[in-house]
């Protein structure tokens, strides 16, 4: 009878140990999945930031080209309004 009780206790302890290990593994898997989701969100944010930077750079370049064109137009108008005299050209 004492042997049966001891065996039952050992079986219960073994079940508890197994259940604890299963719970630990499940928790580890959840943390791993959460970490992967976090990494994916960070990668997505980085992609979005990179796209935004590219858009800003493209817009800046577009504005710069526009300003340079305006400058050339203004210089051309100045040449028409103030033609070169005596062999000197006004810039």
PDB file of N, CA and C in Angstrom:
ATOM      1  N   UNK A   1       0.815  -1.180   0.000  1.00  0.00           N
ATOM      2  CA  UNK A   1       0.000   0.000   0.000  1.00  0.00           C
ATOM      3  C   UNK A   1       0.871   1.261   0.000  1.00  0.00           C
ATOM      4  N   UNK A   2       1.911   1.293   0.805  1.00  0.00           N
ATOM      5  CA  UNK A   2       2.829   2.419   0.850  1.00  0.00           C
ATOM      6  C   UNK A   2       3.532   2.571  -0.487  1.00  0.00           C
ATOM      7  N   UNK A   3       3.845   1.468  -1.122  1.00  0.00           N
ATOM      8  CA  UNK A   3       4.500   1.491  -2.429  1.00  0.00           C
ATOM      9  C   UNK A   3       3.548   2.091  -3.458  1.00  0.00           C
ATOM     10  N   UNK A   4       2.263   1.723  -3.393  1.00  0.00           N
ATOM     11  CA  UNK A   4       1.265   2.267  -4.311  1.00  0.00           C
ATOM     12  C   UNK A   4       1.111   3.774  -4.126  1.00  0.00           C
ATOM     13  N   UNK A   5       1.097   4.232  -2.910  1.00  0.00           N
ATOM     14  CA  UNK A   5       0.974   5.661  -2.630  1.00  0.00           C
ATOM     15  C   UNK A   5       2.204   6.401  -3.140  1.00  0.00           C
ATOM     16  N   UNK A   6       3.367   5.803  -2.915  1.00  0.00           N
ATOM     17  CA  UNK A   6       4.611   6.419  -3.390  1.00  0.00           C
ATOM     18  C   UNK A   6       4.621   6.482  -4.918  1.00  0.00           C
ATOM     19  N   UNK A   7       4.177   5.411  -5.559  1.00  0.00           N
ATOM     20  CA  UNK A   7       4.122   5.371  -7.019  1.00  0.00           C
ATOM     21  C   UNK A   7       3.141   6.417  -7.548  1.00  0.00           C
ATOM     22  N   UNK A   8       2.000   6.529  -6.874  1.00  0.00           N
ATOM     23  CA  UNK A   8       0.991   7.518  -7.268  1.00  0.00           C
ATOM     24  C   UNK A   8       1.551   8.931  -7.123  1.00  0.00           C
ATOM     25  N   UNK A   9       2.254   9.182  -6.053  1.00  0.00           N
ATOM     26  CA  UNK A   9       2.871  10.501  -5.848  1.00  0.00           C
ATOM     27  C   UNK A   9       3.915  10.791  -6.926  1.00  0.00           C
ATOM     28  N   UNK A  10       4.714   9.803  -7.237  1.00  0.00           N
ATOM     29  CA  UNK A  10       5.720   9.987  -8.292  1.00  0.00           C
ATOM     30  C   UNK A  10       5.065  10.238  -9.644  1.00  0.00           C
ATOM     31  N   UNK A  11       3.964   9.528  -9.909  1.00  0.00           N
ATOM     32  CA  UNK A  11       3.248   9.750 -11.157  1.00  0.00           C
ATOM     33  C   UNK A  11       2.656  11.156 -11.216  1.00  0.00           C
ATOM     34  N   UNK A  12       2.094  11.610 -10.115  1.00  0.00           N
ATOM     35  CA  UNK A  12       1.532  12.958 -10.047  1.00  0.00           C
ATOM     36  C   UNK A  12       2.623  14.011 -10.229  1.00  0.00           C
ATOM     37  N   UNK A  13       3.774  13.768  -9.573  1.00  0.00           N
ATOM     38  CA  UNK A  13       4.895  14.706  -9.719  1.00  0.00           C
ATOM     39  C   UNK A  13       5.370  14.732 -11.166  1.00  0.00           C
ATOM     40  N   UNK A  14       5.434  13.594 -11.786  1.00  0.00           N
ATOM     41  CA  UNK A  14       5.860  13.518 -13.182  1.00  0.00           C
ATOM     42  C   UNK A  14       4.871  14.255 -14.083  1.00  0.00           C
ATOM     43  N   UNK A  15       3.565  14.075 -13.839  1.00  0.00           N
ATOM     44  CA  UNK A  15       2.543  14.790 -14.606  1.00  0.00           C
ATOM     45  C   UNK A  15       2.697  16.302 -14.441  1.00  0.00           C
ATOM     46  N   UNK A  16       2.924  16.733 -13.198  1.00  0.00           N
ATOM     47  CA  UNK A  16       3.089  18.167 -12.937  1.00  0.00           C
ATOM     48  C   UNK A  16       4.328  18.699 -13.653  1.00  0.00           C
ATOM     49  N   UNK A  17       5.409  17.932 -13.613  1.00  0.00           N
ATOM     50  CA  UNK A  17       6.631  18.341 -14.295  1.00  0.00           C
ATOM     51  C   UNK A  17       6.406  18.464 -15.806  1.00  0.00           C
ATOM     52  N   UNK A  18       5.718  17.482 -16.358  1.00  0.00           N
ATOM     53  CA  UNK A  18       5.427  17.499 -17.796  1.00  0.00           C
ATOM     54  C   UNK A  18       4.532  18.690 -18.129  1.00  0.00           C
ATOM     55  N   UNK A  19       3.503  18.906 -17.328  1.00  0.00           N
ATOM     56  CA  UNK A  19       2.593  20.043 -17.564  1.00  0.00           C
ATOM     57  C   UNK A  19       3.343  21.374 -17.472  1.00  0.00           C
ATOM     58  N   UNK A  20       4.249  21.474 -16.498  1.00  0.00           N
ATOM     59  CA  UNK A  20       5.034  22.695 -16.336  1.00  0.00           C
ATOM     60  C   UNK A  20       5.928  22.917 -17.569  1.00  0.00           C
ATOM     61  N   UNK A  21       6.555  21.848 -18.048  1.00  0.00           N
ATOM     62  CA  UNK A  21       7.410  21.958 -19.235  1.00  0.00           C
ATOM     63  C   UNK A  21       6.592  22.355 -20.469  1.00  0.00           C
ATOM     64  N   UNK A  22       5.410  21.760 -20.603  1.00  0.00           N
ATOM     65  CA  UNK A  22       4.530  22.115 -21.732  1.00  0.00           C
ATOM     66  C   UNK A  22       4.149  23.589 -21.640  1.00  0.00           C
ATOM     67  N   UNK A  23       3.786  24.035 -20.440  1.00  0.00           N
ATOM     68  CA  UNK A  23       3.414  25.441 -20.246  1.00  0.00           C
ATOM     69  C   UNK A  23       4.601  26.353 -20.551  1.00  0.00           C
ATOM     70  N   UNK A  24       5.793  25.969 -20.119  1.00  0.00           N
ATOM     71  CA  UNK A  24       6.993  26.767 -20.399  1.00  0.00           C
ATOM     72  C   UNK A  24       7.262  26.847 -21.903  1.00  0.00           C
ATOM     73  N   UNK A  25       7.117  25.711 -22.592  1.00  0.00           N
ATOM     74  CA  UNK A  25       7.330  25.697 -24.043  1.00  0.00           C
ATOM     75  C   UNK A  25       6.296  26.551 -24.768  1.00  0.00           C
ATOM     76  N   UNK A  26       5.047  26.466 -24.326  1.00  0.00           N
ATOM     77  CA  UNK A  26       3.996  27.289 -24.940  1.00  0.00           C
ATOM     78  C   UNK A  26       4.263  28.771 -24.713  1.00  0.00           C
ATOM     79  N   UNK A  27       4.692  29.121 -23.516  1.00  0.00           N
ATOM     80  CA  UNK A  27       5.014  30.523 -23.217  1.00  0.00           C
ATOM     81  C   UNK A  27       6.195  30.987 -24.074  1.00  0.00           C
ATOM     82  N   UNK A  28       7.182  30.131 -24.216  1.00  0.00           N
ATOM     83  CA  UNK A  28       8.337  30.464 -25.048  1.00  0.00           C
ATOM     84  C   UNK A  28       7.915  30.662 -26.495  1.00  0.00           C
ATOM     85  N   UNK A  29       7.049  29.801 -26.999  1.00  0.00           N
ATOM     86  CA  UNK A  29       6.553  29.936 -28.371  1.00  0.00           C
ATOM     87  C   UNK A  29       5.769  31.237 -28.549  1.00  0.00           C
ATOM     88  N   UNK A  30       4.959  31.599 -27.544  1.00  0.00           N
ATOM     89  CA  UNK A  30       4.211  32.868 -27.615  1.00  0.00           C
ATOM     90  C   UNK A  30       5.161  34.060 -27.643  1.00  0.00           C
ATOM     91  N   UNK A  31       6.167  34.038 -26.768  1.00  0.00           N
ATOM     92  CA  UNK A  31       7.140  35.140 -26.740  1.00  0.00           C
ATOM     93  C   UNK A  31       7.891  35.226 -28.060  1.00  0.00           C
ATOM     94  N   UNK A  32       8.231  34.073 -28.619  1.00  0.00           N
ATOM     95  CA  UNK A  32       8.938  34.047 -29.897  1.00  0.00           C
ATOM     96  C   UNK A  32       8.058  34.625 -31.012  1.00  0.00           C
ATOM     97  N   UNK A  33       6.782  34.260 -31.018  1.00  0.00           N
ATOM     98  CA  UNK A  33       5.850  34.783 -32.017  1.00  0.00           C
ATOM     99  C   UNK A  33       5.671  36.291 -31.851  1.00  0.00           C
ATOM    100  N   UNK A  34       5.561  36.747 -30.611  1.00  0.00           N
ATOM    101  CA  UNK A  34       5.437  38.184 -30.353  1.00  0.00           C
ATOM    102  C   UNK A  34       6.686  38.925 -30.821  1.00  0.00           C
ATOM    103  N   UNK A  35       7.850  38.347 -30.571  1.00  0.00           N
ATOM    104  CA  UNK A  35       9.102  38.965 -30.990  1.00  0.00           C
ATOM    105  C   UNK A  35       9.167  39.052 -32.515  1.00  0.00           C
ATOM    106  N   UNK A  36       8.744  37.990 -33.199  1.00  0.00           N
ATOM    107  CA  UNK A  36       8.748  38.019 -34.664  1.00  0.00           C
ATOM    108  C   UNK A  36       7.779  39.066 -35.191  1.00  0.00           C
ATOM    109  N   UNK A  37       6.622  39.200 -34.556  1.00  0.00           N
ATOM    110  CA  UNK A  37       5.673  40.239 -34.963  1.00  0.00           C
ATOM    111  C   UNK A  37       6.263  41.622 -34.752  1.00  0.00           C
ATOM    112  N   UNK A  38       6.924  41.805 -33.626  1.00  0.00           N
ATOM    113  CA  UNK A  38       7.565  43.089 -33.340  1.00  0.00           C
ATOM    114  C   UNK A  38       8.639  43.399 -34.377  1.00  0.00           C
ATOM    115  N   UNK A  39       9.456  42.406 -34.710  1.00  0.00           N
ATOM    116  CA  UNK A  39      10.482  42.605 -35.732  1.00  0.00           C
ATOM    117  C   UNK A  39       9.854  42.972 -37.070  1.00  0.00           C
ATOM    118  N   UNK A  40       8.774  42.315 -37.436  1.00  0.00           N
ATOM    119  CA  UNK A  40       8.104  42.607 -38.708  1.00  0.00           C
ATOM    120  C   UNK A  40       7.548  44.030 -38.705  1.00  0.00           C
ATOM    121  N   UNK A  41       6.964  44.448 -37.582  1.00  0.00           N
ATOM    122  CA  UNK A  41       6.460  45.829 -37.489  1.00  0.00           C
ATOM    123  C   UNK A  41       7.599  46.834 -37.628  1.00  0.00           C
ATOM    124  N   UNK A  42       8.735  46.539 -36.998  1.00  0.00           N
ATOM    125  CA  UNK A  42       9.884  47.431 -37.100  1.00  0.00           C
ATOM    126  C   UNK A  42      10.397  47.496 -38.542  1.00  0.00           C
ATOM    127  N   UNK A  43      10.431  46.357 -39.226  1.00  0.00           N
ATOM    128  CA  UNK A  43      10.855  46.349 -40.635  1.00  0.00           C
ATOM    129  C   UNK A  43       9.885  47.161 -41.489  1.00  0.00           C
ATOM    130  N   UNK A  44       8.597  47.029 -41.212  1.00  0.00           N
ATOM    131  CA  UNK A  44       7.583  47.782 -41.962  1.00  0.00           C
ATOM    132  C   UNK A  44       7.741  49.282 -41.710  1.00  0.00           C
ATOM    133  N   UNK A  45       7.979  49.647 -40.464  1.00  0.00           N
ATOM    134  CA  UNK A  45       8.198  51.076 -40.150  1.00  0.00           C
ATOM    135  C   UNK A  45       9.439  51.607 -40.863  1.00  0.00           C
ATOM    136  N   UNK A  46      10.472  50.795 -40.896  1.00  0.00           N
ATOM    137  CA  UNK A  46      11.703  51.206 -41.582  1.00  0.00           C
ATOM    138  C   UNK A  46      11.450  51.375 -43.077  1.00  0.00           C
ATOM    139  N   UNK A  47      10.683  50.450 -43.671  1.00  0.00           N
ATOM    140  CA  UNK A  47      10.344  50.578 -45.098  1.00  0.00           C
ATOM    141  C   UNK A  47       9.544  51.839 -45.352  1.00  0.00           C
ATOM    142  N   UNK A  48       8.569  52.107 -44.479  1.00  0.00           N
ATOM    143  CA  UNK A  48       7.744  53.309 -44.623  1.00  0.00           C
ATOM    144  C   UNK A  48       8.596  54.572 -44.492  1.00  0.00           C
ATOM    145  N   UNK A  49       9.505  54.583 -43.537  1.00  0.00           N
ATOM    146  CA  UNK A  49      10.384  55.740 -43.348  1.00  0.00           C
ATOM    147  C   UNK A  49      11.281  55.934 -44.573  1.00  0.00           C
ATOM    148  N   UNK A  50      11.793  54.842 -45.121  1.00  0.00           N
ATOM    149  CA  UNK A  50      12.641  54.923 -46.313  1.00  0.00           C
ATOM    150  C   UNK A  50      11.857  55.474 -47.496  1.00  0.00           C
ATOM    151  N   UNK A  51      10.630  55.017 -47.668  1.00  0.00           N
ATOM    152  CA  UNK A  51       9.789  55.531 -48.757  1.00  0.00           C
ATOM    153  C   UNK A  51       9.509  57.013 -48.573  1.00  0.00           C
ATOM    154  N   UNK A  52       9.239  57.411 -47.344  1.00  0.00           N
ATOM    155  CA  UNK A  52       8.966  58.826 -47.064  1.00  0.00           C
ATOM    156  C   UNK A  52      10.197  59.674 -47.379  1.00  0.00           C
ATOM    157  N   UNK A  53      11.378  59.173 -47.009  1.00  0.00           N
ATOM    158  CA  UNK A  53      12.607  59.901 -47.327  1.00  0.00           C
ATOM    159  C   UNK A  53      12.813  60.015 -48.837  1.00  0.00           C
ATOM    160  N   UNK A  54      12.528  58.942 -49.551  1.00  0.00           N
ATOM    161  CA  UNK A  54      12.664  58.975 -51.002  1.00  0.00           C
ATOM    162  C   UNK A  54      11.684  59.968 -51.613  1.00  0.00           C
ATOM    163  N   UNK A  55      10.456  60.001 -51.092  1.00  0.00           N
ATOM    164  CA  UNK A  55       9.462  60.954 -51.584  1.00  0.00           C
ATOM    165  C   UNK A  55       9.908  62.381 -51.308  1.00  0.00           C
ATOM    166  N   UNK A  56      10.431  62.620 -50.117  1.00  0.00           N
ATOM    167  CA  UNK A  56      10.904  63.966 -49.776  1.00  0.00           C
ATOM    168  C   UNK A  56      12.073  64.384 -50.668  1.00  0.00           C
ATOM    169  N   UNK A  57      12.988  63.453 -50.910  1.00  0.00           N
ATOM    170  CA  UNK A  57      14.131  63.761 -51.775  1.00  0.00           C
ATOM    171  C   UNK A  57      13.668  64.062 -53.193  1.00  0.00           C
ATOM    172  N   UNK A  58      12.710  63.297 -53.679  1.00  0.00           N
ATOM    173  CA  UNK A  58      12.183  63.531 -55.032  1.00  0.00           C
ATOM    174  C   UNK A  58      11.487  64.880 -55.109  1.00  0.00           C
ATOM    175  N   UNK A  59      10.705  65.208 -54.091  1.00  0.00           N
ATOM    176  CA  UNK A  59      10.016  66.506 -54.068  1.00  0.00           C
ATOM    177  C   UNK A  59      11.027  67.648 -54.004  1.00  0.00           C
ATOM    178  N   UNK A  60      12.061  67.498 -53.195  1.00  0.00           N
ATOM    179  CA  UNK A  60      13.086  68.532 -53.090  1.00  0.00           C
ATOM    180  C   UNK A  60      13.793  68.727 -54.427  1.00  0.00           C
ATOM    181  N   UNK A  61      14.114  67.634 -55.092  1.00  0.00           N
ATOM    182  CA  UNK A  61      14.765  67.721 -56.400  1.00  0.00           C
ATOM    183  C   UNK A  61      13.853  68.404 -57.404  1.00  0.00           C
ATOM    184  N   UNK A  62      12.578  68.069 -57.377  1.00  0.00           N
ATOM    185  CA  UNK A  62      11.611  68.680 -58.281  1.00  0.00           C
ATOM    186  C   UNK A  62      11.530  70.194 -58.041  1.00  0.00           C
ATOM    187  N   UNK A  63      11.479  70.584 -56.787  1.00  0.00           N
ATOM    188  CA  UNK A  63      11.422  72.010 -56.451  1.00  0.00           C
ATOM    189  C   UNK A  63      12.706  72.727 -56.873  1.00  0.00           C
ATOM    190  N   UNK A  64      13.820  72.060 -56.694  1.00  0.00           N
ATOM    191  CA  UNK A  64      15.092  72.667 -57.073  1.00  0.00           C
ATOM    192  C   UNK A  64      15.170  72.879 -58.586  1.00  0.00           C
ATOM    193  N   UNK A  65      14.730  71.889 -59.341  1.00  0.00           N
ATOM    194  CA  UNK A  65      14.713  72.022 -60.804  1.00  0.00           C
ATOM    195  C   UNK A  65      13.801  73.163 -61.202  1.00  0.00           C
ATOM    196  N   UNK A  66      12.648  73.260 -60.548  1.00  0.00           N
ATOM    197  CA  UNK A  66      11.716  74.355 -60.841  1.00  0.00           C
ATOM    198  C   UNK A  66      12.362  75.713 -60.566  1.00  0.00           C
ATOM    199  N   UNK A  67      13.042  75.833 -59.425  1.00  0.00           N
ATOM    200  CA  UNK A  67      13.705  77.103 -59.092  1.00  0.00           C
ATOM    201  C   UNK A  67      14.820  77.439 -60.080  1.00  0.00           C
ATOM    202  N   UNK A  68      15.564  76.430 -60.490  1.00  0.00           N
ATOM    203  CA  UNK A  68      16.630  76.674 -61.466  1.00  0.00           C
ATOM    204  C   UNK A  68      16.052  77.119 -62.803  1.00  0.00           C
ATOM    205  N   UNK A  69      14.932  76.544 -63.196  1.00  0.00           N
ATOM    206  CA  UNK A  69      14.272  76.975 -64.436  1.00  0.00           C
ATOM    207  C   UNK A  69      13.797  78.412 -64.321  1.00  0.00           C
ATOM    208  N   UNK A  70      13.230  78.738 -63.165  1.00  0.00           N
ATOM    209  CA  UNK A  70      12.780  80.121 -62.938  1.00  0.00           C
ATOM    210  C   UNK A  70      13.964  81.087 -62.999  1.00  0.00           C
ATOM    211  N   UNK A  71      15.087  80.682 -62.441  1.00  0.00           N
ATOM    212  CA  UNK A  71      16.272  81.524 -62.473  1.00  0.00           C
ATOM    213  C   UNK A  71      16.737  81.749 -63.913  1.00  0.00           C
ATOM    214  N   UNK A  72      16.741  80.696 -64.705  1.00  0.00           N
ATOM    215  CA  UNK A  72      17.152  80.812 -66.110  1.00  0.00           C
ATOM    216  C   UNK A  72      16.195  81.736 -66.849  1.00  0.00           C
ATOM    217  N   UNK A  73      14.900  81.592 -66.605  1.00  0.00           N
ATOM    218  CA  UNK A  73      13.922  82.477 -67.248  1.00  0.00           C
ATOM    219  C   UNK A  73      14.166  83.930 -66.858  1.00  0.00           C
ATOM    220  N   UNK A  74      14.438  84.146 -65.589  1.00  0.00           N
ATOM    221  CA  UNK A  74      14.692  85.512 -65.114  1.00  0.00           C
ATOM    222  C   UNK A  74      15.955  86.073 -65.751  1.00  0.00           C
ATOM    223  N   UNK A  75      16.978  85.254 -65.865  1.00  0.00           N
ATOM    224  CA  UNK A  75      18.216  85.707 -66.499  1.00  0.00           C
ATOM    225  C   UNK A  75      17.978  86.028 -67.968  1.00  0.00           C
ATOM    226  N   UNK A  76      17.179  85.224 -68.636  1.00  0.00           N
ATOM    227  CA  UNK A  76      16.861  85.503 -70.035  1.00  0.00           C
ATOM    228  C   UNK A  76      16.088  86.804 -70.165  1.00  0.00           C
ATOM    229  N   UNK A  77      15.152  87.045 -69.275  1.00  0.00           N
ATOM    230  CA  UNK A  77      14.396  88.303 -69.310  1.00  0.00           C
ATOM    231  C   UNK A  77      15.312  89.490 -69.052  1.00  0.00           C
ATOM    232  N   UNK A  78      16.246  89.324 -68.138  1.00  0.00           N
ATOM    233  CA  UNK A  78      17.198  90.405 -67.851  1.00  0.00           C
ATOM    234  C   UNK A  78      18.033  90.723 -69.080  1.00  0.00           C
ATOM    235  N   UNK A  79      18.420  89.701 -69.815  1.00  0.00           N
ATOM    236  CA  UNK A  79      19.208  89.930 -71.028  1.00  0.00           C
ATOM    237  C   UNK A  79      18.390  90.655 -72.071  1.00  0.00           C
ATOM    238  N   UNK A  80      17.099  90.374 -72.134  1.00  0.00           N
ATOM    239  CA  UNK A  80      16.236  91.080 -73.091  1.00  0.00           C
ATOM    240  C   UNK A  80      16.012  92.522 -72.666  1.00  0.00           C
ATOM    241  N   UNK A  81      15.858  92.743 -71.371  1.00  0.00           N
ATOM    242  CA  UNK A  81      15.613  94.096 -70.866  1.00  0.00           C
ATOM    243  C   UNK A  81      16.878  94.947 -70.880  1.00  0.00           C
ATOM    244  N   UNK A  82      17.990  94.336 -70.601  1.00  0.00           N
ATOM    245  CA  UNK A  82      19.262  95.062 -70.532  1.00  0.00           C
ATOM    246  C   UNK A  82      20.265  94.412 -71.476  1.00  0.00           C
ATOM    247  N   UNK A  83      20.141  94.671 -72.765  1.00  0.00           N
ATOM    248  CA  UNK A  83      21.067  94.040 -73.709  1.00  0.00           C
ATOM    249  C   UNK A  83      22.504  94.511 -73.466  1.00  0.00           C
ATOM    250  N   UNK A  84      23.420  93.696 -73.892  1.00  0.00           N
ATOM    251  CA  UNK A  84      24.844  94.009 -73.725  1.00  0.00           C
ATOM    252  C   UNK A  84      25.186  95.267 -74.521  1.00  0.00           C
ATOM    253  N   UNK A  85      26.015  96.144 -73.926  1.00  0.00           N
ATOM    254  CA  UNK A  85      26.426  97.388 -74.585  1.00  0.00           C
ATOM    255  C   UNK A  85      27.944  97.436 -74.626  1.00  0.00           C
ATOM    256  N   UNK A  86      28.468  97.998 -75.651  1.00  0.00           N
ATOM    257  CA  UNK A  86      29.896  98.224 -75.783  1.00  0.00           C
ATOM    258  C   UNK A  86      30.705  96.940 -75.612  1.00  0.00           C
ATOM    259  N   UNK A  87      30.180  95.831 -76.060  1.00  0.00           N
ATOM    260  CA  UNK A  87      30.925  94.583 -76.006  1.00  0.00           C
ATOM    261  C   UNK A  87      30.938  93.906 -74.653  1.00  0.00           C
ATOM    262  N   UNK A  88      30.305  94.527 -73.689  1.00  0.00           N
ATOM    263  CA  UNK A  88      30.219  93.902 -72.353  1.00  0.00           C
ATOM    264  C   UNK A  88      28.833  93.315 -72.186  1.00  0.00           C
ATOM    265  N   UNK A  89      28.809  92.154 -71.609  1.00  0.00           N
ATOM    266  CA  UNK A  89      27.511  91.516 -71.366  1.00  0.00           C
ATOM    267  C   UNK A  89      27.195  91.612 -69.884  1.00  0.00           C
ATOM    268  N   UNK A  90      25.984  92.001 -69.611  1.00  0.00           N
ATOM    269  CA  UNK A  90      25.552  92.097 -68.228  1.00  0.00           C
ATOM    270  C   UNK A  90      25.016  90.746 -67.795  1.00  0.00           C
ATOM    271  N   UNK A  91      25.514  90.267 -66.695  1.00  0.00           N
ATOM    272  CA  UNK A  91      25.069  88.942 -66.226  1.00  0.00           C
ATOM    273  C   UNK A  91      24.074  89.094 -65.110  1.00  0.00           C
TER     274      UNK A  91
END
